[in-house]
Amino acid sequence: MRFLTLFFILLFSGCAVISQEAFVVANKPNVKSYFVEHQPNDKRGINELIKSRIKQQGFNIVNSRTDADIIVNYIDLWYWDFKNYLLNLRIIFRDSSDSFPIIVGNSVRSSLVRKDPDFMVNEVLTKMFEKQGK
């Protein structure tokens, strides 16, 4: 019985991966406005989720790259396991003057611990704003 219990614990523990991280590359003080670039292949509205979360933080979302202090890029990787789910979400804040990365945030959630895209956007941006001290 103990062997069987141990077997199932070892079998299923490897299937659950959760990773959230944020790396500050450079510091840019006095950031007030963000422009979120929409990825052409994104049909799920990840850009709108990012905009909404940034607005909740009290920042302005602008409609032009030239009016923004920060350009926001994202990469969403979807996977199929009985249904599509967001496996990996990477968000990058870039300086609008030279496109240099300011901070990079990433969240990875495998099938057994998957969450909806809104949760993952909040997870990544919360970690990014914490690392920046905002």
C-alpha atoms as a PDB file:
ATOM      1  CA  MET A   1       0.000   0.000   0.000  1.00  0.00           C
ATOM      2  CA  ARG A   2       2.808   2.424   0.875  1.00  0.00           C
ATOM      3  CA  PHE A   3       4.569   1.565  -2.351  1.00  0.00           C
ATOM      4  CA  LEU A   4       1.431   2.281  -4.375  1.00  0.00           C
ATOM      5  CA  THR A   5       0.898   5.636  -2.625  1.00  0.00           C
ATOM      6  CA  LEU A   6       4.526   6.620  -3.181  1.00  0.00           C
ATOM      7  CA  PHE A   7       4.286   5.532  -6.811  1.00  0.00           C
ATOM      8  CA  PHE A   8       1.288   7.808  -7.488  1.00  0.00           C
ATOM      9  CA  ILE A   9       2.870  10.752  -5.665  1.00  0.00           C
ATOM     10  CA  LEU A  10       6.001  10.469  -7.782  1.00  0.00           C
ATOM     11  CA  LEU A  11       4.025   9.862 -10.953  1.00  0.00           C
ATOM     12  CA  PHE A  12       1.837  12.964 -10.699  1.00  0.00           C
ATOM     13  CA  SER A  13       4.196  15.387  -8.972  1.00  0.00           C
ATOM     14  CA  GLY A  14       6.256  15.821 -12.147  1.00  0.00           C
ATOM     15  CA  CYS A  15       3.272  17.033 -14.149  1.00  0.00           C
ATOM     16  CA  ALA A  16       2.700  20.236 -12.210  1.00  0.00           C
ATOM     17  CA  VAL A  17       4.989  23.156 -13.043  1.00  0.00           C
ATOM     18  CA  ILE A  18       4.472  26.672 -11.748  1.00  0.00           C
ATOM     19  CA  SER A  19       7.058  29.366 -12.331  1.00  0.00           C
ATOM     20  CA  GLN A  20       6.766  33.129 -12.021  1.00  0.00           C
ATOM     21  CA  GLU A  21       9.721  35.431 -12.338  1.00  0.00           C
ATOM     22  CA  ALA A  22      10.584  39.003 -13.158  1.00  0.00           C
ATOM     23  CA  PHE A  23      13.996  40.365 -14.056  1.00  0.00           C
ATOM     24  CA  VAL A  24      14.777  44.061 -13.802  1.00  0.00           C
ATOM     25  CA  VAL A  25      17.225  44.976 -16.553  1.00  0.00           C
ATOM     26  CA  ALA A  26      17.299  48.753 -16.120  1.00  0.00           C
ATOM     27  CA  ASN A  27      15.492  51.398 -14.120  1.00  0.00           C
ATOM     28  CA  LYS A  28      13.418  54.158 -15.674  1.00  0.00           C
ATOM     29  CA  PRO A  29      11.988  56.655 -13.178  1.00  0.00           C
ATOM     30  CA  ASN A  30       8.862  58.767 -13.669  1.00  0.00           C
ATOM     31  CA  VAL A  31       6.982  56.321 -15.870  1.00  0.00           C
ATOM     32  CA  LYS A  32       3.431  57.530 -16.429  1.00  0.00           C
ATOM     33  CA  SER A  33       2.220  56.077 -19.719  1.00  0.00           C
ATOM     34  CA  TYR A  34       2.251  52.709 -21.440  1.00  0.00           C
ATOM     35  CA  PHE A  35       1.548  51.540 -24.972  1.00  0.00           C
ATOM     36  CA  VAL A  36       0.609  47.852 -25.299  1.00  0.00           C
ATOM     37  CA  GLU A  37       1.461  46.391 -28.686  1.00  0.00           C
ATOM     38  CA  HIS A  38      -1.108  43.942 -29.992  1.00  0.00           C
ATOM     39  CA  GLN A  39       0.466  40.772 -31.352  1.00  0.00           C
ATOM     40  CA  PRO A  40      -0.970  40.002 -34.815  1.00  0.00           C
ATOM     41  CA  ASN A  41      -1.559  36.324 -33.977  1.00  0.00           C
ATOM     42  CA  ASP A  42      -3.329  37.056 -30.678  1.00  0.00           C
ATOM     43  CA  LYS A  43      -7.040  36.357 -31.145  1.00  0.00           C
ATOM     44  CA  ARG A  44      -7.704  35.986 -27.414  1.00  0.00           C
ATOM     45  CA  GLY A  45      -7.282  39.605 -26.317  1.00  0.00           C
ATOM     46  CA  ILE A  46      -4.219  39.241 -24.106  1.00  0.00           C
ATOM     47  CA  ASN A  47      -3.325  42.851 -24.955  1.00  0.00           C
ATOM     48  CA  GLU A  48      -6.653  44.049 -23.501  1.00  0.00           C
ATOM     49  CA  LEU A  49      -6.055  42.089 -20.291  1.00  0.00           C
ATOM     50  CA  ILE A  50      -2.604  43.695 -19.974  1.00  0.00           C
ATOM     51  CA  LYS A  51      -4.042  47.180 -20.594  1.00  0.00           C
ATOM     52  CA  SER A  52      -6.731  46.647 -17.966  1.00  0.00           C
ATOM     53  CA  ARG A  53      -4.235  45.508 -15.329  1.00  0.00           C
ATOM     54  CA  ILE A  54      -1.868  48.417 -16.010  1.00  0.00           C
ATOM     55  CA  LYS A  55      -4.803  50.839 -15.674  1.00  0.00           C
ATOM     56  CA  GLN A  56      -5.663  49.230 -12.315  1.00  0.00           C
ATOM     57  CA  GLN A  57      -2.145  50.147 -11.188  1.00  0.00           C
ATOM     58  CA  GLY A  58      -2.991  53.786 -11.900  1.00  0.00           C
ATOM     59  CA  PHE A  59      -1.017  54.297 -15.095  1.00  0.00           C
ATOM     60  CA  ASN A  60      -2.207  55.764 -18.393  1.00  0.00           C
ATOM     61  CA  ILE A  61      -2.609  53.675 -21.523  1.00  0.00           C
ATOM     62  CA  VAL A  62      -1.908  55.650 -24.694  1.00  0.00           C
ATOM     63  CA  ASN A  63      -2.759  54.788 -28.300  1.00  0.00           C
ATOM     64  CA  SER A  64       0.561  55.756 -29.826  1.00  0.00           C
ATOM     65  CA  ARG A  65       4.112  54.522 -29.349  1.00  0.00           C
ATOM     66  CA  THR A  66       5.386  58.092 -29.547  1.00  0.00           C
ATOM     67  CA  ASP A  67       3.235  59.227 -26.597  1.00  0.00           C
ATOM     68  CA  ALA A  68       4.331  56.384 -24.294  1.00  0.00           C
ATOM     69  CA  ASP A  69       7.116  56.158 -21.744  1.00  0.00           C
ATOM     70  CA  ILE A  70       7.045  52.339 -21.927  1.00  0.00           C
ATOM     71  CA  ILE A  71       6.250  49.982 -24.814  1.00  0.00           C
ATOM     72  CA  VAL A  72       4.753  46.682 -23.655  1.00  0.00           C
ATOM     73  CA  ASN A  73       5.375  43.532 -25.696  1.00  0.00           C
ATOM     74  CA  TYR A  74       4.136  40.064 -24.848  1.00  0.00           C
ATOM     75  CA  ILE A  75       4.548  36.515 -26.035  1.00  0.00           C
ATOM     76  CA  ASP A  76       1.780  34.033 -25.303  1.00  0.00           C
ATOM     77  CA  LEU A  77       2.394  30.327 -25.827  1.00  0.00           C
ATOM     78  CA  TRP A  78      -0.700  28.145 -25.910  1.00  0.00           C
ATOM     79  CA  TYR A  79      -0.767  24.380 -25.571  1.00  0.00           C
ATOM     80  CA  TRP A  80      -3.415  21.749 -26.062  1.00  0.00           C
ATOM     81  CA  ASP A  81      -4.229  19.169 -23.364  1.00  0.00           C
ATOM     82  CA  PHE A  82      -7.888  18.219 -23.894  1.00  0.00           C
ATOM     83  CA  LYS A  83      -8.437  21.938 -24.466  1.00  0.00           C
ATOM     84  CA  ASN A  84      -6.250  24.939 -25.225  1.00  0.00           C
ATOM     85  CA  TYR A  85      -4.637  26.672 -22.276  1.00  0.00           C
ATOM     86  CA  LEU A  86      -2.018  29.367 -21.775  1.00  0.00           C
ATOM     87  CA  LEU A  87       1.224  27.552 -20.969  1.00  0.00           C
ATOM     88  CA  ASN A  88       3.653  30.464 -20.964  1.00  0.00           C
ATOM     89  CA  LEU A  89       3.196  34.232 -20.838  1.00  0.00           C
ATOM     90  CA  ARG A  90       6.137  36.612 -21.151  1.00  0.00           C
ATOM     91  CA  ILE A  91       5.646  40.373 -20.807  1.00  0.00           C
ATOM     92  CA  ILE A  92       8.409  42.850 -21.627  1.00  0.00           C
ATOM     93  CA  PHE A  93       8.474  46.551 -20.732  1.00  0.00           C
ATOM     94  CA  ARG A  94      10.733  48.474 -23.135  1.00  0.00           C
ATOM     95  CA  ASP A  95      11.971  52.045 -23.019  1.00  0.00           C
ATOM     96  CA  SER A  96      10.092  53.931 -25.743  1.00  0.00           C
ATOM     97  CA  SER A  97      13.149  55.989 -26.699  1.00  0.00           C
ATOM     98  CA  ASP A  98      15.437  53.079 -27.646  1.00  0.00           C
ATOM     99  CA  SER A  99      13.393  49.844 -27.187  1.00  0.00           C
ATOM    100  CA  PHE A 100      15.813  48.668 -24.500  1.00  0.00           C
ATOM    101  CA  PRO A 101      14.146  46.179 -22.093  1.00  0.00           C
ATOM    102  CA  ILE A 102      13.391  47.653 -18.674  1.00  0.00           C
ATOM    103  CA  ILE A 103      11.891  44.561 -17.054  1.00  0.00           C
ATOM    104  CA  VAL A 104      10.859  41.101 -18.230  1.00  0.00           C
ATOM    105  CA  GLY A 105       8.201  39.017 -16.492  1.00  0.00           C
ATOM    106  CA  ASN A 106       7.320  35.410 -17.171  1.00  0.00           C
ATOM    107  CA  SER A 107       4.769  32.861 -15.973  1.00  0.00           C
ATOM    108  CA  VAL A 108       4.710  29.166 -16.820  1.00  0.00           C
ATOM    109  CA  ARG A 109       1.864  26.886 -15.763  1.00  0.00           C
ATOM    110  CA  SER A 110       1.576  23.325 -16.928  1.00  0.00           C
ATOM    111  CA  SER A 111      -1.660  21.473 -17.523  1.00  0.00           C
ATOM    112  CA  LEU A 112      -2.417  20.352 -13.959  1.00  0.00           C
ATOM    113  CA  VAL A 113      -2.004  23.870 -12.538  1.00  0.00           C
ATOM    114  CA  ARG A 114      -3.309  25.882 -15.469  1.00  0.00           C
ATOM    115  CA  LYS A 115      -5.142  29.154 -14.874  1.00  0.00           C
ATOM    116  CA  ASP A 116      -7.115  31.436 -17.122  1.00  0.00           C
ATOM    117  CA  PRO A 117      -5.256  34.160 -19.067  1.00  0.00           C
ATOM    118  CA  ASP A 118      -6.548  36.952 -16.803  1.00  0.00           C
ATOM    119  CA  PHE A 119      -5.030  35.261 -13.764  1.00  0.00           C
ATOM    120  CA  MET A 120      -1.685  34.802 -15.513  1.00  0.00           C
ATOM    121  CA  VAL A 121      -1.570  38.420 -16.716  1.00  0.00           C
ATOM    122  CA  ASN A 122      -2.235  39.591 -13.154  1.00  0.00           C
ATOM    123  CA  GLU A 123       0.368  37.171 -11.830  1.00  0.00           C
ATOM    124  CA  VAL A 124       3.100  38.399 -14.178  1.00  0.00           C
ATOM    125  CA  LEU A 125       2.350  42.122 -13.887  1.00  0.00           C
ATOM    126  CA  THR A 126       2.056  41.961 -10.090  1.00  0.00           C
ATOM    127  CA  LYS A 127       5.511  40.387  -9.909  1.00  0.00           C
ATOM    128  CA  MET A 128       6.908  42.963 -12.359  1.00  0.00           C
ATOM    129  CA  PHE A 129       5.508  45.952 -10.472  1.00  0.00           C
ATOM    130  CA  GLU A 130       6.759  44.491  -7.163  1.00  0.00           C
ATOM    131  CA  LYS A 131      10.280  44.151  -8.572  1.00  0.00           C
ATOM    132  CA  GLN A 132      10.162  47.768  -9.748  1.00  0.00           C
ATOM    133  CA  GLY A 133       8.908  48.931  -6.367  1.00  0.00           C
ATOM    134  CA  LYS A 134       5.597  50.259  -7.723  1.00  0.00           C
END
